[in-house]
Structure formats: structure tokens, C-alpha cells
Amino acid sequence: MGEMTQAGIPVPPGFVVLANAFDRFTAETGLNEEIKARLEAVNPEDVNSVEKASVVLRDVIHDTAMPKDLSNEILAAYDKLARNSLPYAPRPQRKTPLLPAGLENWNIFKYPP
């Protein structure tokens, strides 16, 4: 989106949560160990094994509380954006083997509550 803005293409307001935030989240919460253990148990030849690990990791990531200062920063940026009641399109900054399958498949547009 930064490249589009620099090229003069109109881009709606937004904010970025960098991949470093995800790295920090997984490191500070101990999720790196959980992710590593689940991925080591996966049999790449067995689609069900991959799917099971993906579902478990997605749920574990979802259910793990983020560091408070990181959460506050993201929520403050979201609140500022949501005041306009504009649709937004969450997207991961990068694809990574640490993101279980499906986490990169976000809804295209969401509307603030």
C-alpha cells in the first residue's frame, strides 16, 4: 500500500501491524515453542496431519493474550480508523511458515462495529 501511495494511487486510510509484532507476540507468550512442536509433529505427506496442526495452531494463537502494550497500540490505531466507519481490509504483512494455513485468508472488507 505504501508503494501505491507513493505512486499517487488513492489509498484509503489505514495502519500497519508489522510482522515484528507477530514475532514479538509469539516470542513473549511462548508460542514459538508450541508452533515449533506442532510443526515438527506434522507429516507433510498426510494432509489430515497438516490440517489438524493448522486448526490447533490457529486456535492457540487466537486464544493467547497479546502483550498489553502491543494490544493497546493496535487498538488505538484501530479506534482512530474506526471513527470514520470506513470498511477496512486486514492483511498479513508477510507469508511465513509460522502462520498456519488459513491465517492469510482474511475477509476482504470488514466494517467497524
C-alpha atoms as a PDB file:
ATOM      1  CA  MET A   1       0.000   0.000   0.000  1.00  0.00           C
ATOM      2  CA  GLY A   2       2.931   2.297   0.640  1.00  0.00           C
ATOM      3  CA  GLU A   3       4.110   1.796  -2.922  1.00  0.00           C
ATOM      4  CA  MET A   4       0.627   2.609  -4.218  1.00  0.00           C
ATOM      5  CA  THR A   5       0.528   5.807  -2.170  1.00  0.00           C
ATOM      6  CA  GLN A   6       3.973   6.838  -3.431  1.00  0.00           C
ATOM      7  CA  ALA A   7       2.797   6.210  -6.997  1.00  0.00           C
ATOM      8  CA  GLY A   8      -0.099   8.631  -6.495  1.00  0.00           C
ATOM      9  CA  ILE A   9      -2.810   5.974  -6.385  1.00  0.00           C
ATOM     10  CA  PRO A  10      -5.519   6.887  -3.875  1.00  0.00           C
ATOM     11  CA  VAL A  11      -5.406   4.554  -0.881  1.00  0.00           C
ATOM     12  CA  PRO A  12      -7.901   4.739   1.988  1.00  0.00           C
ATOM     13  CA  PRO A  13      -6.567   5.495   5.463  1.00  0.00           C
ATOM     14  CA  GLY A  14      -5.194   2.603   7.437  1.00  0.00           C
ATOM     15  CA  PHE A  15      -2.428   1.351   9.661  1.00  0.00           C
ATOM     16  CA  VAL A  16       0.115  -1.428   9.589  1.00  0.00           C
ATOM     17  CA  VAL A  17       0.828  -4.069  12.171  1.00  0.00           C
ATOM     18  CA  LEU A  18       4.312  -5.193  11.243  1.00  0.00           C
ATOM     19  CA  ALA A  19       5.389  -8.813  11.165  1.00  0.00           C
ATOM     20  CA  ASN A  20       7.748  -7.890  14.012  1.00  0.00           C
ATOM     21  CA  ALA A  21       4.646  -7.506  16.190  1.00  0.00           C
ATOM     22  CA  PHE A  22       3.672 -11.108  15.453  1.00  0.00           C
ATOM     23  CA  ASP A  23       7.243 -12.221  16.146  1.00  0.00           C
ATOM     24  CA  ARG A  24       7.195 -10.404  19.465  1.00  0.00           C
ATOM     25  CA  PHE A  25       3.770 -11.826  20.316  1.00  0.00           C
ATOM     26  CA  THR A  26       4.890 -15.409  19.683  1.00  0.00           C
ATOM     27  CA  ALA A  27       8.212 -14.934  21.493  1.00  0.00           C
ATOM     28  CA  GLU A  28       6.829 -13.233  24.605  1.00  0.00           C
ATOM     29  CA  THR A  29       3.928 -15.648  25.022  1.00  0.00           C
ATOM     30  CA  GLY A  30       5.939 -18.826  24.459  1.00  0.00           C
ATOM     31  CA  LEU A  31       4.026 -19.619  21.291  1.00  0.00           C
ATOM     32  CA  ASN A  32       7.240 -20.142  19.325  1.00  0.00           C
ATOM     33  CA  GLU A  33       7.789 -23.399  21.206  1.00  0.00           C
ATOM     34  CA  GLU A  34       4.179 -24.505  20.636  1.00  0.00           C
ATOM     35  CA  ILE A  35       4.374 -23.659  16.937  1.00  0.00           C
ATOM     36  CA  LYS A  36       7.685 -25.470  16.545  1.00  0.00           C
ATOM     37  CA  ALA A  37       6.429 -28.580  18.352  1.00  0.00           C
ATOM     38  CA  ARG A  38       3.223 -28.721  16.293  1.00  0.00           C
ATOM     39  CA  LEU A  39       5.097 -28.241  13.017  1.00  0.00           C
ATOM     40  CA  GLU A  40       7.660 -30.919  13.913  1.00  0.00           C
ATOM     41  CA  ALA A  41       4.803 -33.363  14.521  1.00  0.00           C
ATOM     42  CA  VAL A  42       3.300 -32.730  11.075  1.00  0.00           C
ATOM     43  CA  ASN A  43       3.680 -35.377   8.399  1.00  0.00           C
ATOM     44  CA  PRO A  44       3.810 -33.382   5.131  1.00  0.00           C
ATOM     45  CA  GLU A  45       2.619 -36.478   3.269  1.00  0.00           C
ATOM     46  CA  ASP A  46      -0.572 -36.564   5.351  1.00  0.00           C
ATOM     47  CA  VAL A  47      -2.988 -33.752   4.522  1.00  0.00           C
ATOM     48  CA  ASN A  48      -5.021 -34.504   7.653  1.00  0.00           C
ATOM     49  CA  SER A  49      -1.909 -34.057   9.792  1.00  0.00           C
ATOM     50  CA  VAL A  50      -1.252 -30.657   8.218  1.00  0.00           C
ATOM     51  CA  GLU A  51      -4.889 -29.595   8.601  1.00  0.00           C
ATOM     52  CA  LYS A  52      -5.029 -30.703  12.240  1.00  0.00           C
ATOM     53  CA  ALA A  53      -1.868 -28.770  13.135  1.00  0.00           C
ATOM     54  CA  SER A  54      -3.206 -25.728  11.301  1.00  0.00           C
ATOM     55  CA  VAL A  55      -6.513 -25.763  13.166  1.00  0.00           C
ATOM     56  CA  VAL A  56      -4.842 -26.286  16.548  1.00  0.00           C
ATOM     57  CA  LEU A  57      -2.300 -23.512  15.948  1.00  0.00           C
ATOM     58  CA  ARG A  58      -4.917 -21.095  14.668  1.00  0.00           C
ATOM     59  CA  ASP A  59      -6.964 -21.670  17.830  1.00  0.00           C
ATOM     60  CA  VAL A  60      -3.943 -21.429  20.155  1.00  0.00           C
ATOM     61  CA  ILE A  61      -2.839 -18.171  18.525  1.00  0.00           C
ATOM     62  CA  HIS A  62      -6.377 -16.807  18.690  1.00  0.00           C
ATOM     63  CA  ASP A  63      -6.786 -17.728  22.364  1.00  0.00           C
ATOM     64  CA  THR A  64      -3.423 -16.352  23.535  1.00  0.00           C
ATOM     65  CA  ALA A  65      -3.462 -12.868  25.032  1.00  0.00           C
ATOM     66  CA  MET A  66      -1.227 -10.335  23.349  1.00  0.00           C
ATOM     67  CA  PRO A  67       1.263  -8.271  25.376  1.00  0.00           C
ATOM     68  CA  LYS A  68      -0.788  -5.387  26.795  1.00  0.00           C
ATOM     69  CA  ASP A  69       1.284  -2.559  25.321  1.00  0.00           C
ATOM     70  CA  LEU A  70       1.134  -4.134  21.860  1.00  0.00           C
ATOM     71  CA  SER A  71      -2.599  -4.698  22.163  1.00  0.00           C
ATOM     72  CA  ASN A  72      -3.164  -1.114  23.309  1.00  0.00           C
ATOM     73  CA  GLU A  73      -1.180   0.277  20.378  1.00  0.00           C
ATOM     74  CA  ILE A  74      -3.128  -1.790  17.827  1.00  0.00           C
ATOM     75  CA  LEU A  75      -6.482  -0.938  19.408  1.00  0.00           C
ATOM     76  CA  ALA A  76      -5.633   2.782  19.477  1.00  0.00           C
ATOM     77  CA  ALA A  77      -4.807   2.706  15.762  1.00  0.00           C
ATOM     78  CA  TYR A  78      -7.990   0.759  15.047  1.00  0.00           C
ATOM     79  CA  ASP A  79     -10.123   3.157  17.112  1.00  0.00           C
ATOM     80  CA  LYS A  80      -8.700   6.108  15.177  1.00  0.00           C
ATOM     81  CA  LEU A  81      -9.502   4.382  11.874  1.00  0.00           C
ATOM     82  CA  ALA A  82     -12.938   3.178  13.014  1.00  0.00           C
ATOM     83  CA  ARG A  83     -14.114   6.705  13.853  1.00  0.00           C
ATOM     84  CA  ASN A  84     -14.649   7.172  10.125  1.00  0.00           C
ATOM     85  CA  SER A  85     -16.790   3.994   9.891  1.00  0.00           C
ATOM     86  CA  LEU A  86     -14.958   3.085   6.711  1.00  0.00           C
ATOM     87  CA  PRO A  87     -14.506  -0.501   5.586  1.00  0.00           C
ATOM     88  CA  TYR A  88     -11.032  -1.911   6.094  1.00  0.00           C
ATOM     89  CA  ALA A  89      -9.122  -4.862   4.729  1.00  0.00           C
ATOM     90  CA  PRO A  90      -6.833  -6.635   7.187  1.00  0.00           C
ATOM     91  CA  ARG A  91      -3.907  -8.382   5.566  1.00  0.00           C
ATOM     92  CA  PRO A  92      -0.800 -10.052   6.939  1.00  0.00           C
ATOM     93  CA  GLN A  93       2.449  -8.247   6.155  1.00  0.00           C
ATOM     94  CA  ARG A  94       4.153 -11.440   5.064  1.00  0.00           C
ATOM     95  CA  LYS A  95       3.501 -15.061   4.399  1.00  0.00           C
ATOM     96  CA  THR A  96       5.538 -17.267   6.658  1.00  0.00           C
ATOM     97  CA  PRO A  97       5.690 -20.914   7.593  1.00  0.00           C
ATOM     98  CA  LEU A  98       4.874 -19.768  11.133  1.00  0.00           C
ATOM     99  CA  LEU A  99       1.417 -18.687  10.014  1.00  0.00           C
ATOM    100  CA  PRO A 100      -0.835 -21.745   9.942  1.00  0.00           C
ATOM    101  CA  ALA A 101      -2.774 -22.315   6.731  1.00  0.00           C
ATOM    102  CA  GLY A 102      -5.792 -20.061   6.574  1.00  0.00           C
ATOM    103  CA  LEU A 103      -4.434 -17.172   8.628  1.00  0.00           C
ATOM    104  CA  GLU A 104      -3.519 -15.370   5.441  1.00  0.00           C
ATOM    105  CA  ASN A 105      -7.108 -15.780   4.163  1.00  0.00           C
ATOM    106  CA  TRP A 106      -8.695 -12.733   5.760  1.00  0.00           C
ATOM    107  CA  ASN A 107     -12.020 -11.267   4.726  1.00  0.00           C
ATOM    108  CA  ILE A 108     -11.587  -8.630   2.055  1.00  0.00           C
ATOM    109  CA  PHE A 109     -13.667  -5.934   3.737  1.00  0.00           C
ATOM    110  CA  LYS A 110     -14.828  -5.562   7.287  1.00  0.00           C
ATOM    111  CA  TYR A 111     -16.822  -2.775   8.834  1.00  0.00           C
ATOM    112  CA  PRO A 112     -16.080  -1.330  12.261  1.00  0.00           C
ATOM    113  CA  PRO A 113     -18.725  -2.239  14.869  1.00  0.00           C
END
